[in-house]
């Protein structure tokens, strides 16, 4: 069996997992080429820059409990980053609430709603649920009141599918990704109440953010990749060619690259199609990003906020300035990033620019800007394959895809889209480190892996 040292390692996708895998394998002495369809690296964590403004695709920041990931980030950010406590909120029934909930927020809730929610806490011990869908999972964990008033509408708005047809994993991982802090358990109404009441003197967790935007981290890593002899091919789609149980070469546009190993971080459905396997029903959510350039201040200083109301076009808003002041051209400017979900090719996707006024009007409606006159520009970006859509049938479909791809043992899946895995950026870094560790061990180079581990290079 060929290993990463027996030939060329081709990595499809220059996002977080792909780029870091390239860096770590090059440090171990492998020959590596990265093929990226976009015009820059970073994938779903890349940035957009216009006239002194820097925007990410929603709120990206580093937070990890893994010391090896921390050591790697320290190494590649090179001290040029900011540390800050989280300030996130949720907009609910016309009011802003701190997220995760703070004790003072309990006083803001409508009394009838709060009373019904607490009754649910007691009654749920006597109710039976199948737990076979997002709907049933949230009903069991939080009760009918919170489900009907918040979770149902937000999930339907975000994913565009009925919560009764959504797998419960969407609720399990979605809540963890939104909360971030492992110490804050909020998996049901009891934990929610306990966590809320114990936050009186809690210090918010700290995040790390590259000073000039997320692009800075990926620019640094890409520079290291190329300095080590690695190759990054941009603006080029990849195509797999294989047979007899292995991928023999990868086409980068019209160029054929013979390979010993392939790390695939593009959509898993594309890999199955290119290798002649059954294409699974594993759709990905698309997203429209409206990067709004604002003159003046905004009344709320959250880094990001969730908007679940069905009459608002965006689902989440983030403000890069509150990650780092260097993301705006001057002190009296604010960048506001608004996320609108859709499916690639649908009406919203094709006519995204037509919704620009709707986005700006809704920012006025929720009190984030005082008037349209504050807005001097809006940049619309179409983002493909942002989230895996967890239909109720997805586990079986994913298993079929994985089993098919396992017949090509030199092909390895990684990252959010490659693994059909709803994860945070930090998890993709850890995933890349674990994959590289396994590949080096399989090549009989455990001593290289151990040396890099000691240096904070491979987890």
Protein backbone atom coordinates (compact mmCIF):
# COMPACT_ATOMS: atom_id res chain seq x y z
CA UNK A 1 0.00 0.00 0.00
CA UNK A 2 1.36 3.40 -0.98
CA UNK A 3 1.83 5.99 1.75
CA UNK A 4 2.19 9.76 1.89
CA UNK A 5 5.95 9.34 1.31
CA UNK A 6 5.64 7.12 -1.77
CA UNK A 7 4.46 9.83 -4.15
CA UNK A 8 2.47 13.01 -4.46
CA UNK A 9 -0.16 13.99 -1.86
CA UNK A 10 -2.98 15.90 -3.55
CA UNK A 11 -5.35 17.86 -1.33
CA UNK A 12 -8.65 18.91 -2.89
CA UNK A 13 -9.88 22.09 -1.21
CA UNK A 14 -7.88 24.92 0.31
CA UNK A 15 -10.13 25.48 3.31
CA UNK A 16 -9.18 25.06 6.96
CA UNK A 17 -8.70 21.27 6.97
CA UNK A 18 -7.05 21.14 3.55
CA UNK A 19 -4.64 24.00 4.09
CA UNK A 20 -3.49 22.84 7.52
CA UNK A 21 -3.12 19.23 6.32
CA UNK A 22 -0.85 20.52 3.55
CA UNK A 23 1.24 22.51 6.01
CA UNK A 24 1.72 19.65 8.46
CA UNK A 25 2.52 17.04 5.81
CA UNK A 26 5.03 19.34 4.13
CA UNK A 27 6.75 19.84 7.48
CA UNK A 28 6.99 16.06 7.74
CA UNK A 29 8.73 15.89 4.36
CA UNK A 30 5.88 15.00 1.98
CA UNK A 31 5.33 16.36 -1.52
CA UNK A 32 2.00 18.23 -1.54
CA UNK A 33 -0.25 20.06 -3.99
CA UNK A 34 -3.48 21.84 -2.99
CA UNK A 35 -6.23 22.39 -5.58
CA UNK A 36 -8.73 25.13 -4.70
CA UNK A 37 -11.67 26.12 -6.92
CA UNK A 38 -11.86 29.65 -5.46
CA UNK A 39 -9.55 32.60 -5.94
CA UNK A 40 -8.18 32.47 -2.39
CA UNK A 41 -7.58 30.00 0.43
CA UNK A 42 -9.62 29.71 3.61
CA UNK A 43 -12.76 27.98 2.31
CA UNK A 44 -15.77 28.76 4.47
CA UNK A 45 -13.47 30.73 6.80
CA UNK A 46 -12.11 33.05 4.09
CA UNK A 47 -12.50 36.81 4.17
CA UNK A 48 -13.66 39.56 1.82
CA UNK A 49 -11.98 42.96 1.68
CA UNK A 50 -13.26 46.18 0.18
CA UNK A 51 -11.94 49.72 0.67
CA UNK A 52 -10.46 49.09 4.11
CA UNK A 53 -13.30 46.86 5.37
CA UNK A 54 -12.67 43.18 6.13
CA UNK A 55 -15.57 40.72 6.45
CA UNK A 56 -15.57 37.01 7.21
CA UNK A 57 -18.31 34.55 6.24
CA UNK A 58 -20.20 35.10 9.45
CA UNK A 59 -18.55 35.09 12.88
CA UNK A 60 -15.26 33.20 12.81
CA UNK A 61 -12.88 33.12 15.77
CA UNK A 62 -10.60 30.62 17.47
CA UNK A 63 -11.51 28.91 20.73
CA UNK A 64 -10.21 25.50 21.69
CA UNK A 65 -9.54 23.38 24.75
CA UNK A 66 -6.97 21.34 22.79
CA UNK A 67 -3.44 22.46 23.74
CA UNK A 68 -1.98 21.19 20.45
CA UNK A 69 -4.42 23.29 18.45
CA UNK A 70 -3.58 26.28 20.65
CA UNK A 71 0.14 25.74 20.07
CA UNK A 72 -0.38 25.54 16.33
CA UNK A 73 -2.43 28.74 16.28
CA UNK A 74 0.22 30.55 18.33
CA UNK A 75 2.80 29.46 15.82
CA UNK A 76 1.00 30.58 12.66
CA UNK A 77 -0.65 33.77 13.97
CA UNK A 78 2.74 34.85 15.30
CA UNK A 79 1.35 37.02 18.08
CA UNK A 80 -0.57 39.25 15.68
CA UNK A 81 -4.04 38.66 17.08
CA UNK A 82 -6.56 40.05 19.53
CA UNK A 83 -8.10 38.34 22.56
CA UNK A 84 -11.59 39.34 23.63
CA UNK A 85 -14.55 38.03 25.63
CA UNK A 86 -17.62 36.84 23.76
CA UNK A 87 -20.56 39.19 23.33
CA UNK A 88 -23.35 37.35 21.50
CA UNK A 89 -27.10 37.89 21.58
CA UNK A 90 -30.42 36.57 20.32
CA UNK A 91 -33.27 38.77 19.05
CA UNK A 92 -36.55 37.34 20.32
CA UNK A 93 -40.04 38.87 20.17
CA UNK A 94 -38.68 42.34 19.47
CA UNK A 95 -36.06 42.38 22.24
CA UNK A 96 -32.37 41.58 22.55
CA UNK A 97 -31.21 38.92 24.99
CA UNK A 98 -27.69 37.99 25.89
CA UNK A 99 -26.70 34.55 24.58
CA UNK A 100 -26.16 32.25 26.38
CA UNK A 101 -28.89 33.57 28.65
CA UNK A 102 -27.97 35.73 31.62
CA UNK A 103 -30.09 35.90 34.82
CA UNK A 104 -31.24 39.45 34.10
CA UNK A 105 -32.70 38.24 30.79
CA UNK A 106 -35.26 36.17 32.68
CA UNK A 107 -36.88 39.42 33.76
CA UNK A 108 -37.24 40.48 30.11
CA UNK A 109 -39.22 37.42 29.04
CA UNK A 110 -42.99 37.85 28.74
CA UNK A 111 -44.41 36.55 32.01
CA UNK A 112 -46.92 34.23 30.33
CA UNK A 113 -44.25 32.72 28.11
CA UNK A 114 -41.84 32.21 31.01
CA UNK A 115 -44.54 30.60 33.14
CA UNK A 116 -45.54 28.17 30.38
CA UNK A 117 -41.89 27.24 29.79
CA UNK A 118 -41.38 26.38 33.45
CA UNK A 119 -44.58 24.32 33.51
CA UNK A 120 -43.15 22.39 30.56
CA UNK A 121 -40.10 21.57 32.66
CA UNK A 122 -42.25 19.63 35.07
CA UNK A 123 -44.70 18.11 32.59
CA UNK A 124 -42.01 16.82 30.26
CA UNK A 125 -41.14 14.14 32.80
CA UNK A 126 -44.53 12.56 32.05
CA UNK A 127 -44.53 12.95 28.26
CA UNK A 128 -43.36 10.41 25.70
CA UNK A 129 -41.37 11.42 22.62
CA UNK A 130 -39.93 9.34 19.78
CA UNK A 131 -36.73 11.48 19.48
CA UNK A 132 -36.52 10.69 15.76
CA UNK A 133 -36.49 14.29 14.51
CA UNK A 134 -35.36 17.81 15.39
CA UNK A 135 -38.94 18.53 16.42
CA UNK A 136 -39.22 15.59 18.81
CA UNK A 137 -35.74 16.16 20.27
CA UNK A 138 -36.39 19.82 21.11
CA UNK A 139 -39.87 19.08 22.43
CA UNK A 140 -38.35 16.54 24.80
CA UNK A 141 -35.48 18.79 25.85
CA UNK A 142 -37.21 22.18 26.12
CA UNK A 143 -40.95 21.59 25.96
CA UNK A 144 -43.69 22.80 23.58
CA UNK A 145 -43.58 26.48 24.57
CA UNK A 146 -39.94 27.20 23.71
CA UNK A 147 -40.12 24.89 20.71
CA UNK A 148 -43.11 26.70 19.18
CA UNK A 149 -41.91 30.21 20.00
CA UNK A 150 -38.24 29.94 19.10
CA UNK A 151 -36.64 26.67 17.95
CA UNK A 152 -39.24 25.65 15.36
CA UNK A 153 -39.27 28.94 13.48
CA UNK A 154 -35.51 29.44 13.53
CA UNK A 155 -34.76 25.94 12.26
CA UNK A 156 -37.39 26.18 9.52
CA UNK A 157 -36.13 29.60 8.46
CA UNK A 158 -32.47 28.58 8.51
CA UNK A 159 -32.62 25.15 6.87
CA UNK A 160 -35.74 25.60 4.77
CA UNK A 161 -37.13 22.17 5.71
CA UNK A 162 -39.78 21.04 8.19
CA UNK A 163 -38.30 20.42 11.67
CA UNK A 164 -40.33 17.18 11.74
CA UNK A 165 -38.24 16.00 8.77
CA UNK A 166 -34.91 17.16 10.22
CA UNK A 167 -32.64 14.69 12.01
CA UNK A 168 -32.19 15.23 15.79
CA UNK A 169 -28.43 15.59 15.22
CA UNK A 170 -29.18 19.08 13.88
CA UNK A 171 -30.43 20.05 17.33
CA UNK A 172 -27.64 18.28 19.22
CA UNK A 173 -24.70 19.71 17.32
CA UNK A 174 -26.38 23.02 16.53
CA UNK A 175 -26.85 23.92 20.17
CA UNK A 176 -23.29 22.94 21.03
CA UNK A 177 -21.87 24.99 18.16
CA UNK A 178 -23.92 28.03 19.20
CA UNK A 179 -22.95 27.77 22.89
CA UNK A 180 -19.23 26.97 22.30
CA UNK A 181 -18.28 26.84 25.99
CA UNK A 182 -18.12 23.20 27.15
CA UNK A 183 -18.67 24.27 30.74
CA UNK A 184 -22.11 25.65 29.89
CA UNK A 185 -24.53 22.77 29.59
CA UNK A 186 -27.79 23.75 27.86
CA UNK A 187 -29.04 20.46 26.44
CA UNK A 188 -32.45 20.77 28.09
CA UNK A 189 -34.61 23.20 30.02
CA UNK A 190 -33.19 22.08 33.40
CA UNK A 191 -29.61 22.66 32.26
CA UNK A 192 -30.66 25.93 30.63
CA UNK A 193 -32.07 27.17 33.94
CA UNK A 194 -29.05 25.96 35.93
CA UNK A 195 -26.56 27.51 33.50
CA UNK A 196 -28.48 30.79 33.42
CA UNK A 197 -28.66 31.09 37.20
CA UNK A 198 -24.96 30.32 37.68
CA UNK A 199 -23.79 33.09 35.36
CA UNK A 200 -24.03 35.99 37.81
CA UNK A 201 -20.26 36.30 38.19
CA UNK A 202 -19.09 34.17 35.28
CA UNK A 203 -16.34 35.51 33.05
CA UNK A 204 -17.15 35.12 29.37
CA UNK A 205 -14.85 32.79 27.45
CA UNK A 206 -12.10 34.48 25.45
CA UNK A 207 -11.66 34.20 21.71
CA UNK A 208 -8.58 34.66 19.55
CA UNK A 209 -8.91 36.58 16.30
CA UNK A 210 -6.20 37.55 13.77
CA UNK A 211 -5.76 41.32 13.93
CA UNK A 212 -6.71 42.10 10.33
CA UNK A 213 -9.30 39.39 9.75
CA UNK A 214 -9.40 35.61 9.31
CA UNK A 215 -7.69 35.95 5.93
CA UNK A 216 -4.48 36.82 7.80
CA UNK A 217 -4.22 33.33 9.34
CA UNK A 218 -4.76 31.57 6.01
CA UNK A 219 -2.33 33.94 4.26
CA UNK A 220 0.32 33.04 6.85
CA UNK A 221 -0.27 29.29 6.48
CA UNK A 222 -0.34 29.47 2.67
CA UNK A 223 2.99 31.31 2.78
CA UNK A 224 4.48 28.51 4.88
CA UNK A 225 3.08 25.89 2.51
CA UNK A 226 4.75 27.52 -0.48
CA UNK A 227 7.99 28.18 1.42
CA UNK A 228 8.21 24.44 2.14
CA UNK A 229 7.88 23.63 -1.57
CA UNK A 230 4.15 23.01 -1.60
CA UNK A 231 2.01 24.10 -4.50
CA UNK A 232 -1.38 25.85 -4.27
CA UNK A 233 -3.44 25.92 -7.47
CA UNK A 234 -6.29 28.48 -7.30
CA UNK A 235 -9.35 29.05 -9.51
CA UNK A 236 -9.28 25.41 -10.57
CA UNK A 237 -11.71 22.54 -10.11
CA UNK A 238 -10.42 19.06 -9.29
CA UNK A 239 -11.49 15.75 -10.82
CA UNK A 240 -10.62 12.31 -9.48
CA UNK A 241 -9.56 9.47 -11.75
CA UNK A 242 -9.28 5.98 -10.39
CA UNK A 243 -10.00 2.30 -10.68
CA UNK A 244 -9.08 -1.08 -9.23
CA UNK A 245 -9.43 0.22 -5.68
CA UNK A 246 -7.33 3.38 -5.79
CA UNK A 247 -7.29 6.96 -7.02
CA UNK A 248 -4.49 7.10 -9.59
CA UNK A 249 -4.46 10.77 -10.44
CA UNK A 250 -6.25 14.04 -9.83
CA UNK A 251 -6.94 16.47 -12.63
CA UNK A 252 -6.43 20.14 -11.82
CA UNK A 253 -8.27 21.61 -14.77
CA UNK A 254 -6.34 20.23 -17.76
CA UNK A 255 -3.32 19.16 -15.71
CA UNK A 256 -3.07 15.55 -14.51
CA UNK A 257 -1.26 14.93 -11.21
CA UNK A 258 -0.29 11.35 -10.39
CA UNK A 259 -0.74 10.75 -6.67
CA UNK A 260 -0.11 8.29 -3.88
CA UNK A 261 -2.62 9.89 -1.49
CA UNK A 262 -5.65 12.16 -1.85
CA UNK A 263 -7.17 14.23 0.95
CA UNK A 264 -10.67 15.26 -0.11
CA UNK A 265 -12.31 18.26 1.61
CA UNK A 266 -14.77 19.13 -1.18
CA UNK A 267 -18.40 17.88 -0.99
CA UNK A 268 -18.54 14.14 -0.43
CA UNK A 269 -21.23 13.89 -3.12
CA UNK A 270 -18.78 15.16 -5.77
CA UNK A 271 -16.24 12.48 -4.83
CA UNK A 272 -18.82 9.68 -5.16
CA UNK A 273 -20.01 11.00 -8.51
CA UNK A 274 -16.49 11.33 -9.96
CA UNK A 275 -15.56 7.81 -8.88
CA UNK A 276 -18.67 6.27 -10.39
CA UNK A 277 -20.37 5.45 -7.10
CA UNK A 278 -24.00 5.96 -6.19
CA UNK A 279 -24.52 9.65 -5.42
CA UNK A 280 -26.11 9.96 -1.95
CA UNK A 281 -28.92 12.33 -1.05
CA UNK A 282 -26.72 14.62 1.03
CA UNK A 283 -27.56 18.23 0.15
CA UNK A 284 -25.67 21.29 1.35
CA UNK A 285 -27.17 24.63 2.31
CA UNK A 286 -26.13 27.70 0.37
CA UNK A 287 -25.79 31.17 1.84
CA UNK A 288 -25.93 34.77 0.73
CA UNK A 289 -23.71 37.20 2.60
CA UNK A 290 -24.63 40.88 2.59
CA UNK A 291 -21.58 42.84 3.74
CA UNK A 292 -22.94 46.23 4.71
CA UNK A 293 -20.53 49.17 5.02
CA UNK A 294 -21.88 51.63 7.58
CA UNK A 295 -20.81 55.15 8.49
CA UNK A 296 -21.32 55.99 12.15
CA UNK A 297 -21.95 53.82 15.17
CA UNK A 298 -24.35 50.96 15.86
CA UNK A 299 -26.36 50.82 19.09
CA UNK A 300 -25.45 47.24 20.07
CA UNK A 301 -21.90 45.97 20.42
CA UNK A 302 -22.52 42.25 19.94
CA UNK A 303 -20.08 40.25 17.84
CA UNK A 304 -22.96 38.23 16.46
CA UNK A 305 -26.70 37.85 17.00
CA UNK A 306 -29.33 35.27 15.96
CA UNK A 307 -32.54 36.50 14.33
CA UNK A 308 -35.24 33.83 14.20
CA UNK A 309 -38.32 35.91 13.31
CA UNK A 310 -39.87 34.82 10.01
CA UNK A 311 -40.51 38.41 8.92
CA UNK A 312 -36.77 39.21 8.99
CA UNK A 313 -34.76 38.13 5.96
CA UNK A 314 -31.48 37.41 7.74
CA UNK A 315 -30.83 34.64 10.27
CA UNK A 316 -27.62 35.93 11.82
CA UNK A 317 -25.70 39.22 11.87
CA UNK A 318 -22.07 39.67 12.86
CA UNK A 319 -19.92 42.77 13.28
CA UNK A 320 -16.19 42.25 12.56
CA UNK A 321 -15.23 45.53 14.26
CA UNK A 322 -16.03 43.97 17.63
CA UNK A 323 -13.58 41.17 16.87
CA UNK A 324 -10.87 43.64 15.84
CA UNK A 325 -10.85 47.40 15.22
CA UNK A 326 -8.47 46.80 12.29
CA UNK A 327 -11.30 45.41 10.16
CA UNK A 328 -12.68 48.90 9.41
CA UNK A 329 -10.98 51.79 7.56
CA UNK A 330 -11.51 54.32 10.35
CA UNK A 331 -12.99 54.64 13.84
CA UNK A 332 -16.36 55.96 12.63
CA UNK A 333 -17.03 53.02 10.31
CA UNK A 334 -18.74 49.68 11.03
CA UNK A 335 -19.03 46.57 8.91
CA UNK A 336 -22.24 44.56 9.35
CA UNK A 337 -22.36 41.03 7.90
CA UNK A 338 -25.88 39.67 7.32
CA UNK A 339 -26.46 35.98 6.53
CA UNK A 340 -29.39 34.79 4.41
CA UNK A 341 -29.70 31.05 3.78
CA UNK A 342 -30.92 29.54 0.51
CA UNK A 343 -30.25 26.68 -1.87
CA UNK A 344 -27.73 27.15 -4.65
CA UNK A 345 -29.59 28.00 -7.85
CA UNK A 346 -32.93 28.90 -6.25
CA UNK A 347 -34.73 32.22 -6.65
CA UNK A 348 -32.85 33.91 -3.83
CA UNK A 349 -29.50 32.67 -5.08
CA UNK A 350 -30.10 33.83 -8.66
CA UNK A 351 -31.49 37.23 -7.70
CA UNK A 352 -29.59 37.97 -4.47
CA UNK A 353 -28.93 41.61 -5.35
CA UNK A 354 -32.67 42.30 -5.43
CA UNK A 355 -32.86 41.64 -1.67
CA UNK A 356 -30.30 44.29 -0.75
CA UNK A 357 -32.95 46.86 0.18
CA UNK A 358 -34.81 44.25 2.23
CA UNK A 359 -31.65 43.50 4.22
CA UNK A 360 -30.97 47.18 4.91
CA UNK A 361 -34.61 47.85 5.84
CA UNK A 362 -34.53 44.95 8.30
CA UNK A 363 -31.36 46.33 9.91
CA UNK A 364 -33.32 49.53 10.54
CA UNK A 365 -36.31 47.49 11.76
CA UNK A 366 -34.28 45.66 14.44
CA UNK A 367 -32.55 48.88 15.52
CA UNK A 368 -29.04 48.10 14.28
CA UNK A 369 -28.83 51.24 12.15
CA UNK A 370 -30.88 54.41 12.51
CA UNK A 371 -31.59 54.95 8.83
CA UNK A 372 -30.65 53.88 5.33
CA UNK A 373 -28.50 57.01 5.05
CA UNK A 374 -25.86 55.33 7.24
CA UNK A 375 -25.22 52.70 4.57
CA UNK A 376 -22.79 53.73 1.85
CA UNK A 377 -22.27 50.32 0.21
CA UNK A 378 -23.51 46.70 0.29
CA UNK A 379 -21.47 43.85 -1.19
CA UNK A 380 -23.29 40.60 -1.97
CA UNK A 381 -21.39 37.30 -1.86
CA UNK A 382 -22.76 33.87 -2.82
CA UNK A 383 -21.32 31.06 -0.69
CA UNK A 384 -21.70 27.44 -1.79
CA UNK A 385 -22.07 24.40 0.48
CA UNK A 386 -22.02 26.17 3.83
CA UNK A 387 -23.84 23.61 6.02
CA UNK A 388 -24.70 19.93 5.60
CA UNK A 389 -28.48 19.54 5.66
CA UNK A 390 -29.40 16.84 8.15
CA UNK A 391 -32.53 15.25 6.69
CA UNK A 392 -33.89 12.38 8.79
CA UNK A 393 -32.44 9.94 6.28
CA UNK A 394 -28.91 11.40 6.24
CA UNK A 395 -27.14 8.79 8.46
CA UNK A 396 -27.99 5.96 6.07
CA UNK A 397 -27.07 8.00 3.00
CA UNK A 398 -23.78 9.04 4.59
CA UNK A 399 -22.94 5.45 5.51
CA UNK A 400 -23.49 4.31 1.91
CA UNK A 401 -21.21 7.09 0.64
CA UNK A 402 -18.47 6.30 3.15
CA UNK A 403 -18.54 2.58 2.42
CA UNK A 404 -18.26 3.26 -1.29
CA UNK A 405 -15.32 5.63 -0.85
CA UNK A 406 -13.58 3.21 1.53
CA UNK A 407 -13.00 0.97 -1.50
CA UNK A 408 -10.41 3.60 -2.47
CA UNK A 409 -8.06 3.33 0.54
CA UNK A 410 -5.74 6.11 -0.64
CA UNK A 411 -8.64 8.61 -0.52
CA UNK A 412 -9.20 10.30 2.85
CA UNK A 413 -12.13 12.58 3.76
CA UNK A 414 -11.60 15.70 5.86
CA UNK A 415 -13.29 18.95 6.83
CA UNK A 416 -16.91 20.07 7.02
CA UNK A 417 -17.98 19.41 3.43
CA UNK A 418 -15.78 16.39 2.87
CA UNK A 419 -17.10 14.58 5.94
CA UNK A 420 -20.63 16.04 5.81
CA UNK A 421 -20.00 17.21 9.35
CA UNK A 422 -21.44 20.33 11.00
CA UNK A 423 -18.38 21.59 12.86
CA UNK A 424 -16.61 24.72 14.01
CA UNK A 425 -13.32 25.94 12.55
CA UNK A 426 -11.37 24.65 15.56
CA UNK A 427 -12.76 21.16 14.99
CA UNK A 428 -11.52 21.25 11.39
CA UNK A 429 -8.03 22.10 12.64
CA UNK A 430 -8.13 19.19 15.07
CA UNK A 431 -9.50 16.92 12.33
CA UNK A 432 -6.59 17.84 10.04
CA UNK A 433 -4.08 17.18 12.82
CA UNK A 434 -5.57 13.76 13.62
CA UNK A 435 -5.61 12.78 9.95
CA UNK A 436 -1.97 13.79 9.46
CA UNK A 437 -0.96 11.88 12.58
CA UNK A 438 -2.64 8.73 11.26
CA UNK A 439 -1.12 9.07 7.79
CA UNK A 440 2.39 9.47 9.22
CA UNK A 441 1.95 6.50 11.50
CA UNK A 442 0.61 4.38 8.63
CA UNK A 443 3.76 5.33 6.70
CA UNK A 444 5.91 4.01 9.53
CA UNK A 445 7.06 7.52 10.43
CA UNK A 446 5.78 7.67 13.98
CA UNK A 447 9.05 9.24 15.07
CA UNK A 448 8.37 12.24 12.79
CA UNK A 449 4.89 12.56 14.23
CA UNK A 450 6.26 12.45 17.78
CA UNK A 451 8.91 15.09 17.00
CA UNK A 452 6.28 17.38 15.51
CA UNK A 453 3.96 16.76 18.43
CA UNK A 454 6.66 17.87 20.85
CA UNK A 455 7.13 21.02 18.75
CA UNK A 456 3.40 21.76 18.66
CA UNK A 457 3.24 20.89 14.96
CA UNK A 458 1.07 17.80 14.76
CA UNK A 459 -1.59 16.99 17.35
